[in-house]
Amino acid sequence: MWRRNHTKELGCIAGADLSAVGAGKEGWLVESPNLHVALDTNSIALANRSLILILNWSQSIDVGSVMDSNLAAKIMPELSPIEAEYISAIEWLVFDDDIRVLAVGTSCGYLMIFSIQGRLIHRQIVNPAKILKIRVRGIKQDLTQDTSSEEVCIVMPGVVGRFDGSDIKSFLQQWFQESNSRLWDQDSDAFQDNSGNPVRSLPYQLWNVSKYGVCADAAITGVMPPPLMEIQSSQRYYCAVTIGDDAVISAFRLSVDKSRSLVGAILSKVVPATFSTIASLSKLIWRSEPNSPKKPEPKSQPFARASPLTCLKDHPRKGEKLTLSPSGSLAAITDSLGRILLLDTKALVVVRLWKVWQMRTGQRLLTVPCPKGTKILQPTYRFSSATASSSSSSYVPLEVFFLNGDSGQISVLNRFLY
């Protein structure tokens, strides 16, 4: 009987030396909990606890693809040996195909941004806790969406942070402009003060979502309406969905005071630069003592208000993985009992439930077999300008890629499965 192939081969990374991240033994890609992989339509990044490897490659579904297995960059971030700090999450940040950088989260709560050449662009404390995931997503304003929202969501145990995509884009544009005007062999010292702290901090919001227990994963699903009977003001609200051991699913309304966040954004950029300038002038006028004081510890931002909406507790079931649809209206959640829940993030209702050991196939659901040692990947969301046309981009957010660690083969799920 003829067996239909649901995937298309794109290339292979077997020619690259990946022994530094554990390649060489069977199952190395999926068995190590400390190995992280991030895919973009032009690059793939692999990271272990202390090292990041970046490989450049290009793909086109229509005209074929060419794989360049030459190593593009080898990054060894500066991590704290005292705190036993290590890399805990990575993700690509892509803006209009002009800017591509790699975001790195650490176990001590730091967010770092590197260029594809491996240069450190930015380092900032988010919250003193392990960054579990860096989630990039966006919603465009159209007939079905009243507002647009592009963001980088930082997930920590019981904590969710949000960086606005426009703030990150403006920061990176300025960095690349200034770095191009300087000598190439200089690092990003102009973006740091004399103590090594960033002069320009990215504004962000932080919420505590641990009311129903520490979360294992979370996502900001989009903008939501204000509570009933509440006077309209400068407040803006987001919906966050969390999963974990104590509550399989939890939902929160995240409050954002736009006027306060605007002031915070101005202060975060002006005040550090002002103090850095004053400190530099002081050192020119009064020579400091040989023994300089201890460098102050960076402080994270205080929490904004997070109001609980609902939760689902079903002991001993535990929430394990969460992924969003491109629009954010649906969330697929896997649990410890082998079930897949499909959550309507607008109504906060589970609309489908599949049991893996009793899964039915047919018009509604299709199972695609994967070789042993394969990891499922999806290219990151691409931030785009308001004037950019969606038809001008070749990026398709629904594409699903497969990376076979044992063979090094990269393939893509066919767009039409039936």
Protein backbone atom coordinates (compact mmCIF):
# COMPACT_ATOMS: atom_id res chain seq x y z
CA MET A 1 0.00 0.00 0.00
CA TRP A 2 1.35 3.43 -0.96
CA ARG A 3 2.27 5.55 2.05
CA ARG A 4 2.00 9.29 1.67
CA ASN A 5 4.92 11.42 2.82
CA HIS A 6 3.75 14.45 4.76
CA THR A 7 7.12 16.19 4.98
CA LYS A 8 9.60 17.69 2.53
CA GLU A 9 13.35 17.57 3.03
CA LEU A 10 15.10 20.95 3.04
CA GLY A 11 18.71 20.32 3.95
CA CYS A 12 21.14 18.88 6.45
CA ILE A 13 23.37 20.25 9.19
CA ALA A 14 25.38 17.05 9.62
CA GLY A 15 28.40 18.75 8.07
CA ALA A 16 28.70 21.24 10.92
CA ASP A 17 30.75 20.45 14.03
CA LEU A 18 28.14 20.37 16.79
CA SER A 19 30.08 18.27 19.28
CA ALA A 20 30.28 21.28 21.62
CA VAL A 21 26.53 21.04 22.22
CA GLY A 22 26.45 17.25 22.60
CA ALA A 23 26.09 15.97 19.03
CA GLY A 24 27.61 12.59 18.24
CA LYS A 25 25.47 10.22 20.29
CA GLU A 26 22.02 8.90 19.51
CA GLY A 27 19.16 11.02 20.82
CA TRP A 28 21.39 13.97 21.80
CA LEU A 29 18.91 16.56 20.49
CA VAL A 30 15.89 15.48 22.54
CA GLU A 31 17.32 13.79 25.62
CA SER A 32 19.25 16.71 27.10
CA PRO A 33 16.99 19.08 29.11
CA ASN A 34 19.68 21.78 28.91
CA LEU A 35 19.79 21.91 25.10
CA HIS A 36 17.78 24.71 23.47
CA VAL A 37 17.05 25.17 19.76
CA ALA A 38 15.65 28.25 17.99
CA LEU A 39 14.81 28.36 14.29
CA ASP A 40 14.53 31.25 11.88
CA THR A 41 14.02 31.08 8.13
CA ASN A 42 17.68 32.02 7.73
CA SER A 43 19.43 30.70 10.84
CA ILE A 44 19.31 28.02 13.49
CA ALA A 45 20.73 28.42 16.99
CA LEU A 46 21.66 25.64 19.41
CA ALA A 47 22.63 26.33 23.01
CA ASN A 48 23.65 24.34 26.05
CA ARG A 49 24.27 25.74 29.53
CA SER A 50 27.20 27.98 28.55
CA LEU A 51 27.61 27.96 24.76
CA ILE A 52 25.60 29.05 21.71
CA LEU A 53 26.21 27.94 18.13
CA ILE A 54 24.60 29.76 15.19
CA LEU A 55 24.30 28.19 11.73
CA ASN A 56 23.18 30.15 8.70
CA TRP A 57 20.86 28.59 6.18
CA SER A 58 18.18 29.63 3.68
CA GLN A 59 15.01 27.89 2.59
CA SER A 60 12.28 28.39 0.03
CA ILE A 61 9.34 26.07 -0.32
CA ASP A 62 8.76 27.00 -3.95
CA VAL A 63 12.23 26.94 -5.49
CA GLY A 64 14.07 24.57 -3.20
CA SER A 65 16.66 25.36 -0.59
CA VAL A 66 20.35 25.51 0.03
CA MET A 67 21.91 24.65 3.37
CA ASP A 68 25.07 26.37 4.53
CA SER A 69 26.44 24.23 7.34
CA ASN A 70 29.36 26.56 8.03
CA LEU A 71 29.33 27.85 11.57
CA ALA A 72 28.27 31.51 11.59
CA ALA A 73 29.04 32.33 15.22
CA LYS A 74 30.14 30.73 18.46
CA ILE A 75 28.94 32.68 21.51
CA MET A 76 30.07 32.17 25.09
CA PRO A 77 28.01 34.63 27.20
CA GLU A 78 29.51 36.08 30.35
CA LEU A 79 27.75 34.19 33.15
CA SER A 80 28.12 34.48 36.90
CA PRO A 81 30.13 31.56 38.35
CA ILE A 82 29.13 32.57 41.88
CA GLU A 83 25.42 32.17 41.09
CA ALA A 84 26.07 29.13 38.86
CA GLU A 85 24.28 31.02 36.11
CA TYR A 86 23.50 29.19 32.87
CA ILE A 87 21.57 29.67 29.62
CA SER A 88 17.93 28.66 30.11
CA ALA A 89 16.13 29.95 26.97
CA ILE A 90 16.83 31.32 23.48
CA GLU A 91 14.72 32.82 20.71
CA TRP A 92 15.20 34.82 17.51
CA LEU A 93 14.02 38.42 17.18
CA VAL A 94 13.43 39.38 13.53
CA PHE A 95 12.34 42.83 12.36
CA ASP A 96 11.31 43.42 8.72
CA ASP A 97 14.14 41.15 7.49
CA ASP A 98 16.56 44.03 8.22
CA ILE A 99 17.44 43.18 11.83
CA ARG A 100 17.97 39.66 13.14
CA VAL A 101 19.27 39.11 16.65
CA LEU A 102 19.23 36.31 19.21
CA ALA A 103 17.56 36.80 22.60
CA VAL A 104 19.04 34.73 25.43
CA GLY A 105 17.57 34.18 28.89
CA THR A 106 19.56 32.97 31.89
CA SER A 107 18.84 31.15 35.12
CA CYS A 108 19.45 34.37 37.09
CA GLY A 109 16.77 36.32 35.23
CA TYR A 110 18.94 38.24 32.76
CA LEU A 111 17.86 38.94 29.18
CA MET A 112 20.75 39.26 26.71
CA ILE A 113 20.61 40.16 23.04
CA PHE A 114 23.35 39.11 20.59
CA SER A 115 23.93 39.94 16.95
CA ILE A 116 24.25 37.09 14.45
CA GLN A 117 28.00 37.74 14.53
CA GLY A 118 28.01 37.04 18.28
CA ARG A 119 28.41 40.62 19.57
CA LEU A 120 26.65 41.46 22.84
CA ILE A 121 24.09 44.19 22.18
CA HIS A 122 22.20 44.37 25.44
CA ARG A 123 22.06 42.81 28.90
CA GLN A 124 19.29 43.58 31.38
CA ILE A 125 17.81 42.07 34.52
CA VAL A 126 14.13 41.15 34.22
CA ASN A 127 13.53 39.42 37.54
CA PRO A 128 15.86 37.37 39.78
CA ALA A 129 14.46 34.00 38.70
CA LYS A 130 15.06 31.46 35.96
CA ILE A 131 13.77 32.46 32.52
CA LEU A 132 11.84 29.42 31.32
CA LYS A 133 10.83 30.66 27.88
CA ILE A 134 11.08 33.65 25.55
CA ARG A 135 7.89 33.83 23.52
CA VAL A 136 7.57 36.19 20.54
CA ARG A 137 4.18 36.91 18.98
CA GLY A 138 2.07 39.63 17.44
CA ILE A 139 -1.45 40.48 16.35
CA LYS A 140 -2.13 42.82 13.43
CA GLN A 141 -5.10 45.17 13.41
CA ASP A 142 -7.66 44.06 10.83
CA LEU A 143 -11.37 43.36 10.46
CA THR A 144 -11.27 40.76 13.23
CA GLN A 145 -8.84 42.57 15.56
CA ASP A 146 -9.57 46.01 17.01
CA THR A 147 -6.01 46.64 18.13
CA SER A 148 -2.52 45.50 17.16
CA SER A 149 0.01 44.11 19.60
CA GLU A 150 3.57 42.87 19.12
CA GLU A 151 5.54 41.69 22.09
CA VAL A 152 8.26 39.58 23.62
CA CYS A 153 6.92 37.59 26.56
CA ILE A 154 9.33 36.42 29.27
CA VAL A 155 8.11 33.41 31.26
CA MET A 156 9.49 32.66 34.73
CA PRO A 157 8.21 30.45 37.58
CA GLY A 158 5.11 32.36 38.70
CA VAL A 159 6.08 35.51 36.79
CA VAL A 160 5.29 36.90 33.33
CA GLY A 161 7.09 39.85 31.74
CA ARG A 162 6.26 41.77 28.59
CA PHE A 163 8.51 43.86 26.31
CA ASP A 164 6.82 45.87 23.59
CA GLY A 165 8.10 45.02 20.13
CA SER A 166 8.33 48.68 19.07
CA ASP A 167 10.61 49.50 22.01
CA ILE A 168 12.99 46.67 21.12
CA LYS A 169 12.99 47.63 17.45
CA SER A 170 13.83 51.29 18.18
CA PHE A 171 16.61 50.21 20.53
CA LEU A 172 18.15 47.83 18.01
CA GLN A 173 17.92 50.32 15.14
CA GLN A 174 19.81 52.87 17.22
CA TRP A 175 22.41 50.31 18.27
CA PHE A 176 23.11 49.22 14.70
CA GLN A 177 23.32 52.83 13.52
CA GLU A 178 25.78 53.74 16.26
CA SER A 179 27.80 50.53 15.89
CA ASN A 180 28.16 51.14 12.16
CA SER A 181 29.47 54.63 12.83
CA ARG A 182 32.16 53.29 15.16
CA LEU A 183 35.10 50.99 14.47
CA TRP A 184 34.08 47.38 13.95
CA ASP A 185 36.54 46.11 16.55
CA GLN A 186 34.85 48.07 19.33
CA ASP A 187 32.26 46.43 21.52
CA SER A 188 29.02 47.92 22.82
CA ASP A 189 30.73 49.90 25.63
CA ALA A 190 28.84 53.03 24.61
CA PHE A 191 25.68 51.31 25.84
CA GLN A 192 27.18 50.59 29.30
CA ASP A 193 28.27 52.80 32.17
CA ASN A 194 31.52 52.57 34.11
CA SER A 195 30.07 49.81 36.31
CA GLY A 196 29.15 47.61 33.33
CA ASN A 197 25.42 48.21 33.74
CA PRO A 198 23.33 49.12 30.66
CA VAL A 199 22.90 52.85 30.16
CA ARG A 200 19.71 52.34 28.18
CA SER A 201 17.21 49.91 29.62
CA LEU A 202 14.31 48.49 27.71
CA PRO A 203 10.95 49.36 29.33
CA TYR A 204 8.82 46.39 30.28
CA GLN A 205 5.95 45.24 32.49
CA LEU A 206 6.09 42.48 35.10
CA TRP A 207 3.25 40.52 36.69
CA ASN A 208 3.05 37.94 39.48
CA VAL A 209 0.84 35.05 38.28
CA SER A 210 1.60 32.55 41.07
CA LYS A 211 -1.78 32.71 42.85
CA TYR A 212 -2.64 29.16 41.77
CA GLY A 213 0.91 27.84 42.05
CA VAL A 214 4.20 28.16 40.20
CA CYS A 215 3.70 27.95 36.45
CA ALA A 216 5.69 25.70 34.14
CA ASP A 217 4.80 27.71 31.04
CA ALA A 218 2.72 30.77 30.21
CA ALA A 219 1.72 33.06 27.35
CA ILE A 220 0.14 36.44 26.85
CA THR A 221 -2.70 35.67 24.45
CA GLY A 222 -3.64 39.24 23.49
CA VAL A 223 -5.55 42.35 24.47
CA MET A 224 -8.75 41.83 26.45
CA PRO A 225 -11.62 44.16 27.44
CA PRO A 226 -11.64 45.86 30.86
CA PRO A 227 -13.66 44.43 33.77
CA LEU A 228 -17.37 45.13 33.92
CA MET A 229 -18.46 48.34 35.64
CA GLU A 230 -14.95 49.77 35.45
CA ILE A 231 -14.54 53.36 34.25
CA GLN A 232 -12.59 53.67 31.02
CA SER A 233 -9.17 55.19 31.66
CA SER A 234 -5.60 54.88 30.49
CA GLN A 235 -5.54 51.26 31.59
CA ARG A 236 -4.91 48.55 29.03
CA TYR A 237 -5.45 44.88 29.74
CA TYR A 238 -3.89 41.67 28.47
CA CYS A 239 -4.93 38.07 29.02
CA ALA A 240 -2.34 35.59 30.27
CA VAL A 241 -2.72 31.82 30.36
CA THR A 242 -0.47 29.75 32.62
CA ILE A 243 -0.04 26.01 33.17
CA GLY A 244 1.67 24.14 35.98
CA ASP A 245 1.65 21.38 38.58
CA ASP A 246 -0.94 22.83 40.96
CA ALA A 247 -3.36 24.15 38.32
CA VAL A 248 -3.51 22.61 34.86
CA ILE A 249 -4.77 25.90 33.39
CA SER A 250 -5.00 29.36 34.93
CA ALA A 251 -5.97 32.69 33.40
CA PHE A 252 -5.22 36.25 34.53
CA ARG A 253 -6.15 39.77 33.48
CA LEU A 254 -2.93 41.81 33.32
CA SER A 255 -3.29 45.51 33.95
CA VAL A 256 -1.11 48.07 32.18
CA ASP A 257 -1.24 51.77 32.99
CA LYS A 258 -0.12 53.31 29.70
CA SER A 259 0.59 56.70 31.22
CA ARG A 260 2.69 55.16 33.95
CA SER A 261 4.54 52.88 31.53
CA LEU A 262 5.32 55.87 29.31
CA VAL A 263 6.86 57.74 32.23
CA GLY A 264 8.73 54.61 33.21
CA ALA A 265 10.06 54.28 29.70
CA ILE A 266 11.32 57.86 29.74
CA LEU A 267 12.88 57.51 33.17
CA SER A 268 14.50 54.18 32.28
CA LYS A 269 16.29 55.84 29.36
CA VAL A 270 17.04 59.33 30.74
CA VAL A 271 17.86 58.73 34.40
CA PRO A 272 20.56 56.02 33.94
CA ALA A 273 22.25 58.07 31.23
CA THR A 274 22.15 61.19 33.43
CA PHE A 275 23.70 59.43 36.40
CA SER A 276 26.31 57.86 34.15
CA THR A 277 27.28 61.30 32.80
CA ILE A 278 27.47 62.77 36.31
CA ALA A 279 29.61 59.86 37.48
CA SER A 280 31.98 60.31 34.56
CA LEU A 281 32.36 64.05 35.20
CA SER A 282 32.93 63.41 38.88
CA LYS A 283 35.80 61.08 38.12
CA LEU A 284 37.41 63.73 35.95
CA ILE A 285 37.21 66.37 38.67
CA TRP A 286 37.81 64.27 41.75
CA ARG A 287 40.04 61.24 41.41
CA SER A 288 38.43 58.23 43.01
CA GLU A 289 40.19 56.06 45.53
CA PRO A 290 42.06 52.95 44.28
CA ASN A 291 39.58 50.69 46.04
CA SER A 292 36.28 51.39 44.30
CA PRO A 293 33.03 50.55 46.14
CA LYS A 294 31.19 47.33 45.41
CA LYS A 295 29.12 47.42 42.23
CA PRO A 296 25.43 47.82 43.15
CA GLU A 297 23.14 44.93 42.39
CA PRO A 298 20.72 45.59 39.50
CA LYS A 299 17.09 45.82 40.55
CA SER A 300 14.10 44.46 38.68
CA GLN A 301 10.85 46.30 38.08
CA PRO A 302 7.97 46.08 40.61
CA PHE A 303 4.97 43.96 39.73
CA ALA A 304 1.90 45.38 38.05
CA ARG A 305 -1.59 44.16 38.93
CA ALA A 306 -2.62 40.67 37.79
CA SER A 307 -6.24 39.71 38.52
CA PRO A 308 -7.11 35.98 38.51
CA LEU A 309 -9.93 35.00 36.16
CA THR A 310 -10.25 31.23 36.35
CA CYS A 311 -8.31 28.03 36.96
CA LEU A 312 -8.65 24.30 36.36
CA LYS A 313 -7.38 21.97 39.08
CA ASP A 314 -7.55 18.23 38.42
CA HIS A 315 -5.06 16.37 40.63
CA PRO A 316 -2.86 14.53 39.73
CA ARG A 317 -2.99 16.02 36.22
CA LYS A 318 -0.29 18.63 35.56
CA GLY A 319 0.11 21.07 32.71
CA GLU A 320 3.34 20.53 30.78
CA LYS A 321 3.51 22.39 27.43
CA LEU A 322 1.63 25.29 25.91
CA THR A 323 1.56 26.72 22.39
CA LEU A 324 -0.57 29.42 20.80
CA SER A 325 -2.20 29.71 17.42
CA PRO A 326 -0.89 32.59 15.26
CA SER A 327 -3.88 34.77 16.22
CA GLY A 328 -3.66 33.85 19.90
CA SER A 329 -7.33 32.85 19.99
CA LEU A 330 -6.53 29.18 20.65
CA ALA A 331 -3.99 27.47 22.90
CA ALA A 332 -2.98 23.81 22.74
CA ILE A 333 -1.95 22.40 26.12
CA THR A 334 -0.48 18.99 26.92
CA ASP A 335 -0.75 17.44 30.37
CA SER A 336 0.92 14.68 32.36
CA LEU A 337 -1.89 12.20 31.59
CA GLY A 338 -1.21 12.22 27.85
CA ARG A 339 -4.07 14.53 26.90
CA ILE A 340 -4.19 17.52 24.57
CA LEU A 341 -6.53 20.35 25.52
CA LEU A 342 -7.61 23.02 23.05
CA LEU A 343 -8.42 26.23 24.92
CA ASP A 344 -10.45 29.15 23.57
CA THR A 345 -8.43 32.03 25.01
CA LYS A 346 -11.25 34.54 24.49
CA ALA A 347 -13.97 32.61 26.29
CA LEU A 348 -11.45 30.71 28.50
CA VAL A 349 -13.21 27.43 27.76
CA VAL A 350 -11.73 24.07 26.75
CA VAL A 351 -13.36 23.33 23.38
CA ARG A 352 -11.56 20.07 22.51
CA LEU A 353 -9.90 17.24 24.40
CA TRP A 354 -7.83 14.48 22.84
CA LYS A 355 -6.44 11.42 24.58
CA VAL A 356 -3.18 10.27 23.02
CA TRP A 357 -3.75 6.57 23.62
CA GLN A 358 -7.25 6.79 22.12
CA MET A 359 -6.53 9.38 19.43
CA ARG A 360 -8.70 9.21 16.36
CA THR A 361 -7.49 10.16 12.92
CA GLY A 362 -9.51 11.41 10.01
CA GLN A 363 -10.80 14.73 8.76
CA ARG A 364 -10.34 16.43 12.14
CA LEU A 365 -7.00 15.09 13.23
CA LEU A 366 -3.98 13.65 11.45
CA THR A 367 -0.97 12.04 13.12
CA VAL A 368 2.37 12.51 11.41
CA PRO A 369 5.08 10.00 12.43
CA CYS A 370 8.47 11.48 13.32
CA PRO A 371 11.79 9.61 13.39
CA LYS A 372 13.33 8.98 16.77
CA GLY A 373 15.47 11.87 17.99
CA THR A 374 13.44 14.53 16.12
CA LYS A 375 12.54 17.93 17.54
CA ILE A 376 9.58 19.97 16.24
CA LEU A 377 10.42 23.62 15.54
CA GLN A 378 8.66 26.70 14.23
CA PRO A 379 10.26 29.91 12.93
CA THR A 380 9.86 32.89 15.20
CA TYR A 381 7.28 35.61 14.59
CA ARG A 382 8.55 38.48 12.43
CA PHE A 383 7.93 42.01 13.65
CA SER A 384 6.87 44.27 10.79
CA SER A 385 6.29 47.99 10.39
CA ALA A 386 2.81 49.47 10.08
CA THR A 387 3.40 50.29 6.42
CA ALA A 388 4.73 46.86 5.47
CA SER A 389 2.42 44.74 3.40
CA SER A 390 1.76 41.24 4.61
CA SER A 391 1.81 39.97 1.05
CA SER A 392 5.36 41.24 0.54
CA SER A 393 6.77 38.81 3.09
CA SER A 394 7.43 35.18 2.21
CA TYR A 395 7.19 34.15 5.85
CA VAL A 396 4.35 31.73 6.63
CA PRO A 397 3.75 31.42 10.40
CA LEU A 398 1.93 28.08 10.12
CA GLU A 399 4.95 26.19 8.83
CA VAL A 400 6.23 23.39 11.06
CA PHE A 401 9.81 22.16 10.77
CA PHE A 402 11.45 18.93 11.94
CA LEU A 403 15.10 18.65 12.95
CA ASN A 404 16.42 15.10 13.22
CA GLY A 405 19.37 15.23 15.57
CA ASP A 406 20.69 11.80 14.64
CA SER A 407 20.81 12.40 10.87
CA GLY A 408 21.02 16.20 10.89
CA GLN A 409 18.12 16.34 8.42
CA ILE A 410 15.83 19.39 8.35
CA SER A 411 12.37 18.95 6.82
CA VAL A 412 9.13 20.89 6.71
CA LEU A 413 5.53 19.74 7.08
CA ASN A 414 3.67 19.98 3.79
CA ARG A 415 1.16 22.81 3.62
CA PHE A 416 -1.50 20.49 2.21
CA LEU A 417 -1.75 17.24 4.16
CA TYR A 418 -4.71 15.61 2.41
